[in-house]
Amino acid sequence: MLATILHPGGDAKTRKLPEDKVQRQRLLQDLVGGCLEVVPVPGAKYLVFWEQFKDRPHVINEPATEIARKAESIRPDDYIAGVVVVVPREALA
Protein backbone atom coordinates (compact mmCIF):
# COMPACT_ATOMS: atom_id res chain seq x y z
CA MET A 1 0.00 0.00 0.00
CA LEU A 2 1.47 3.33 -1.10
CA ALA A 3 1.11 6.81 0.35
CA THR A 4 2.08 10.20 -1.03
CA ILE A 5 3.86 12.60 1.31
CA LEU A 6 3.13 16.27 0.54
CA HIS A 7 5.63 18.73 1.99
CA PRO A 8 4.71 22.40 2.52
CA GLY A 9 7.17 23.55 -0.14
CA GLY A 10 5.39 21.48 -2.78
CA ASP A 11 7.70 18.46 -2.86
CA ALA A 12 5.91 15.11 -3.03
CA LYS A 13 7.32 11.65 -2.38
CA THR A 14 5.79 8.20 -2.52
CA ARG A 15 6.37 5.78 0.31
CA LYS A 16 5.27 2.23 0.99
CA LEU A 17 3.24 1.86 4.18
CA PRO A 18 3.70 -1.08 6.55
CA GLU A 19 1.08 -3.82 6.36
CA ASP A 20 0.85 -3.98 10.16
CA LYS A 21 -1.79 -1.52 11.40
CA VAL A 22 0.14 -0.46 14.53
CA GLN A 23 3.37 0.11 12.60
CA ARG A 24 1.45 2.02 9.93
CA GLN A 25 -0.15 4.32 12.52
CA ARG A 26 3.21 4.97 14.18
CA LEU A 27 4.81 5.79 10.83
CA LEU A 28 2.00 8.21 9.95
CA GLN A 29 2.37 9.92 13.34
CA ASP A 30 6.12 10.20 12.83
CA LEU A 31 5.66 11.64 9.34
CA VAL A 32 3.15 14.33 10.36
CA GLY A 33 4.68 15.08 13.75
CA GLY A 34 1.88 14.14 16.14
CA CYS A 35 -1.68 12.91 16.57
CA LEU A 36 -3.51 12.14 13.37
CA GLU A 37 -6.22 14.36 11.89
CA VAL A 38 -7.92 12.85 8.85
CA VAL A 39 -10.11 14.42 6.16
CA PRO A 40 -11.64 12.67 3.14
CA VAL A 41 -10.81 13.65 -0.43
CA PRO A 42 -12.01 12.24 -3.76
CA GLY A 43 -10.80 8.87 -5.00
CA ALA A 44 -11.38 6.95 -1.75
CA LYS A 45 -8.37 8.71 -0.23
CA TYR A 46 -7.69 10.69 2.91
CA LEU A 47 -5.36 13.50 3.89
CA VAL A 48 -3.60 12.70 7.16
CA PHE A 49 -1.95 15.53 9.11
CA TRP A 50 -1.39 16.96 12.58
CA GLU A 51 -3.96 19.69 13.23
CA GLN A 52 -2.07 21.02 16.25
CA PHE A 53 0.82 21.91 13.95
CA LYS A 54 -0.90 25.30 13.57
CA ASP A 55 -0.29 26.04 17.26
CA ARG A 56 3.43 26.58 16.61
CA PRO A 57 5.37 28.46 13.94
CA HIS A 58 4.46 26.72 10.70
CA VAL A 59 4.28 26.82 6.93
CA ILE A 60 0.96 26.37 5.11
CA ASN A 61 0.84 23.28 2.95
CA GLU A 62 -0.68 24.91 -0.14
CA PRO A 63 -1.09 21.71 -2.22
CA ALA A 64 -2.88 19.87 0.60
CA THR A 65 -4.99 22.92 1.46
CA GLU A 66 -6.12 23.24 -2.16
CA ILE A 67 -7.03 19.54 -2.36
CA ALA A 68 -9.03 19.74 0.89
CA ARG A 69 -10.83 22.95 -0.12
CA LYS A 70 -11.84 21.52 -3.51
CA ALA A 71 -13.19 18.45 -1.73
CA GLU A 72 -15.00 20.74 0.74
CA SER A 73 -13.28 18.80 3.53
CA ILE A 74 -12.17 22.01 5.24
CA ARG A 75 -13.78 25.46 5.43
CA PRO A 76 -12.82 27.94 2.69
CA ASP A 77 -11.01 30.11 5.27
CA ASP A 78 -9.14 27.19 6.85
CA TYR A 79 -5.79 25.72 5.83
CA ILE A 80 -3.54 22.75 6.48
CA ALA A 81 0.02 23.19 7.76
CA GLY A 82 3.03 20.93 7.87
CA VAL A 83 3.57 17.56 6.27
CA VAL A 84 0.49 15.80 4.90
CA VAL A 85 0.22 12.16 3.89
CA VAL A 86 -2.31 11.10 1.26
CA VAL A 87 -3.42 7.54 1.96
CA PRO A 88 -5.96 5.14 0.46
CA ARG A 89 -9.03 4.32 2.54
CA GLU A 90 -7.72 0.86 3.43
CA ALA A 91 -4.70 2.42 5.16
CA LEU A 92 -7.03 3.64 7.92
CA ALA A 93 -8.97 0.42 8.39
C-alpha atoms as a PDB file:
ATOM      1  CA  MET A   1       0.000   0.000   0.000  1.00  0.00           C
ATOM      2  CA  LEU A   2       1.471   3.330  -1.102  1.00  0.00           C
ATOM      3  CA  ALA A   3       1.113   6.812   0.352  1.00  0.00           C
ATOM      4  CA  THR A   4       2.082  10.204  -1.027  1.00  0.00           C
ATOM      5  CA  ILE A   5       3.860  12.601   1.306  1.00  0.00           C
ATOM      6  CA  LEU A   6       3.130  16.266   0.544  1.00  0.00           C
ATOM      7  CA  HIS A   7       5.630  18.728   1.986  1.00  0.00           C
ATOM      8  CA  PRO A   8       4.706  22.401   2.522  1.00  0.00           C
ATOM      9  CA  GLY A   9       7.171  23.547  -0.139  1.00  0.00           C
ATOM     10  CA  GLY A  10       5.395  21.485  -2.780  1.00  0.00           C
ATOM     11  CA  ASP A  11       7.700  18.460  -2.861  1.00  0.00           C
ATOM     12  CA  ALA A  12       5.913  15.113  -3.028  1.00  0.00           C
ATOM     13  CA  LYS A  13       7.325  11.650  -2.378  1.00  0.00           C
ATOM     14  CA  THR A  14       5.794   8.203  -2.518  1.00  0.00           C
ATOM     15  CA  ARG A  15       6.367   5.775   0.312  1.00  0.00           C
ATOM     16  CA  LYS A  16       5.268   2.235   0.992  1.00  0.00           C
ATOM     17  CA  LEU A  17       3.235   1.862   4.182  1.00  0.00           C
ATOM     18  CA  PRO A  18       3.697  -1.081   6.555  1.00  0.00           C
ATOM     19  CA  GLU A  19       1.082  -3.821   6.357  1.00  0.00           C
ATOM     20  CA  ASP A  20       0.850  -3.982  10.159  1.00  0.00           C
ATOM     21  CA  LYS A  21      -1.793  -1.519  11.395  1.00  0.00           C
ATOM     22  CA  VAL A  22       0.138  -0.462  14.528  1.00  0.00           C
ATOM     23  CA  GLN A  23       3.372   0.108  12.602  1.00  0.00           C
ATOM     24  CA  ARG A  24       1.447   2.023   9.925  1.00  0.00           C
ATOM     25  CA  GLN A  25      -0.150   4.322  12.516  1.00  0.00           C
ATOM     26  CA  ARG A  26       3.212   4.974  14.175  1.00  0.00           C
ATOM     27  CA  LEU A  27       4.809   5.787  10.834  1.00  0.00           C
ATOM     28  CA  LEU A  28       1.998   8.213   9.948  1.00  0.00           C
ATOM     29  CA  GLN A  29       2.371   9.923  13.337  1.00  0.00           C
ATOM     30  CA  ASP A  30       6.123  10.197  12.826  1.00  0.00           C
ATOM     31  CA  LEU A  31       5.661  11.643   9.338  1.00  0.00           C
ATOM     32  CA  VAL A  32       3.151  14.334  10.357  1.00  0.00           C
ATOM     33  CA  GLY A  33       4.679  15.080  13.750  1.00  0.00           C
ATOM     34  CA  GLY A  34       1.879  14.144  16.138  1.00  0.00           C
ATOM     35  CA  CYS A  35      -1.676  12.910  16.572  1.00  0.00           C
ATOM     36  CA  LEU A  36      -3.507  12.141  13.365  1.00  0.00           C
ATOM     37  CA  GLU A  37      -6.217  14.358  11.892  1.00  0.00           C
ATOM     38  CA  VAL A  38      -7.919  12.846   8.848  1.00  0.00           C
ATOM     39  CA  VAL A  39     -10.115  14.422   6.161  1.00  0.00           C
ATOM     40  CA  PRO A  40     -11.638  12.669   3.138  1.00  0.00           C
ATOM     41  CA  VAL A  41     -10.806  13.650  -0.432  1.00  0.00           C
ATOM     42  CA  PRO A  42     -12.010  12.238  -3.764  1.00  0.00           C
ATOM     43  CA  GLY A  43     -10.795   8.872  -4.999  1.00  0.00           C
ATOM     44  CA  ALA A  44     -11.382   6.954  -1.751  1.00  0.00           C
ATOM     45  CA  LYS A  45      -8.375   8.713  -0.229  1.00  0.00           C
ATOM     46  CA  TYR A  46      -7.687  10.692   2.906  1.00  0.00           C
ATOM     47  CA  LEU A  47      -5.356  13.502   3.892  1.00  0.00           C
ATOM     48  CA  VAL A  48      -3.597  12.701   7.163  1.00  0.00           C
ATOM     49  CA  PHE A  49      -1.947  15.531   9.105  1.00  0.00           C
ATOM     50  CA  TRP A  50      -1.393  16.958  12.583  1.00  0.00           C
ATOM     51  CA  GLU A  51      -3.965  19.687  13.227  1.00  0.00           C
ATOM     52  CA  GLN A  52      -2.072  21.023  16.253  1.00  0.00           C
ATOM     53  CA  PHE A  53       0.825  21.912  13.951  1.00  0.00           C
ATOM     54  CA  LYS A  54      -0.899  25.305  13.574  1.00  0.00           C
ATOM     55  CA  ASP A  55      -0.292  26.043  17.262  1.00  0.00           C
ATOM     56  CA  ARG A  56       3.429  26.579  16.611  1.00  0.00           C
ATOM     57  CA  PRO A  57       5.372  28.464  13.944  1.00  0.00           C
ATOM     58  CA  HIS A  58       4.462  26.724  10.704  1.00  0.00           C
ATOM     59  CA  VAL A  59       4.279  26.817   6.932  1.00  0.00           C
ATOM     60  CA  ILE A  60       0.963  26.374   5.112  1.00  0.00           C
ATOM     61  CA  ASN A  61       0.840  23.278   2.949  1.00  0.00           C
ATOM     62  CA  GLU A  62      -0.680  24.912  -0.141  1.00  0.00           C
ATOM     63  CA  PRO A  63      -1.086  21.710  -2.222  1.00  0.00           C
ATOM     64  CA  ALA A  64      -2.878  19.866   0.599  1.00  0.00           C
ATOM     65  CA  THR A  65      -4.989  22.920   1.456  1.00  0.00           C
ATOM     66  CA  GLU A  66      -6.121  23.243  -2.161  1.00  0.00           C
ATOM     67  CA  ILE A  67      -7.034  19.539  -2.356  1.00  0.00           C
ATOM     68  CA  ALA A  68      -9.032  19.741   0.889  1.00  0.00           C
ATOM     69  CA  ARG A  69     -10.831  22.952  -0.118  1.00  0.00           C
ATOM     70  CA  LYS A  70     -11.843  21.525  -3.510  1.00  0.00           C
ATOM     71  CA  ALA A  71     -13.188  18.447  -1.729  1.00  0.00           C
ATOM     72  CA  GLU A  72     -15.003  20.737   0.736  1.00  0.00           C
ATOM     73  CA  SER A  73     -13.278  18.803   3.528  1.00  0.00           C
ATOM     74  CA  ILE A  74     -12.169  22.015   5.238  1.00  0.00           C
ATOM     75  CA  ARG A  75     -13.779  25.462   5.433  1.00  0.00           C
ATOM     76  CA  PRO A  76     -12.825  27.940   2.692  1.00  0.00           C
ATOM     77  CA  ASP A  77     -11.012  30.109   5.266  1.00  0.00           C
ATOM     78  CA  ASP A  78      -9.141  27.190   6.848  1.00  0.00           C
ATOM     79  CA  TYR A  79      -5.789  25.725   5.832  1.00  0.00           C
ATOM     80  CA  ILE A  80      -3.536  22.753   6.475  1.00  0.00           C
ATOM     81  CA  ALA A  81       0.016  23.193   7.759  1.00  0.00           C
ATOM     82  CA  GLY A  82       3.026  20.934   7.866  1.00  0.00           C
ATOM     83  CA  VAL A  83       3.575  17.558   6.268  1.00  0.00           C
ATOM     84  CA  VAL A  84       0.489  15.798   4.899  1.00  0.00           C
ATOM     85  CA  VAL A  85       0.225  12.159   3.895  1.00  0.00           C
ATOM     86  CA  VAL A  86      -2.309  11.099   1.255  1.00  0.00           C
ATOM     87  CA  VAL A  87      -3.424   7.541   1.959  1.00  0.00           C
ATOM     88  CA  PRO A  88      -5.963   5.139   0.464  1.00  0.00           C
ATOM     89  CA  ARG A  89      -9.034   4.325   2.539  1.00  0.00           C
ATOM     90  CA  GLU A  90      -7.724   0.857   3.426  1.00  0.00           C
ATOM     91  CA  ALA A  91      -4.700   2.420   5.163  1.00  0.00           C
ATOM     92  CA  LEU A  92      -7.027   3.641   7.917  1.00  0.00           C
ATOM     93  CA  ALA A  93      -8.974   0.416   8.390  1.00  0.00           C
END
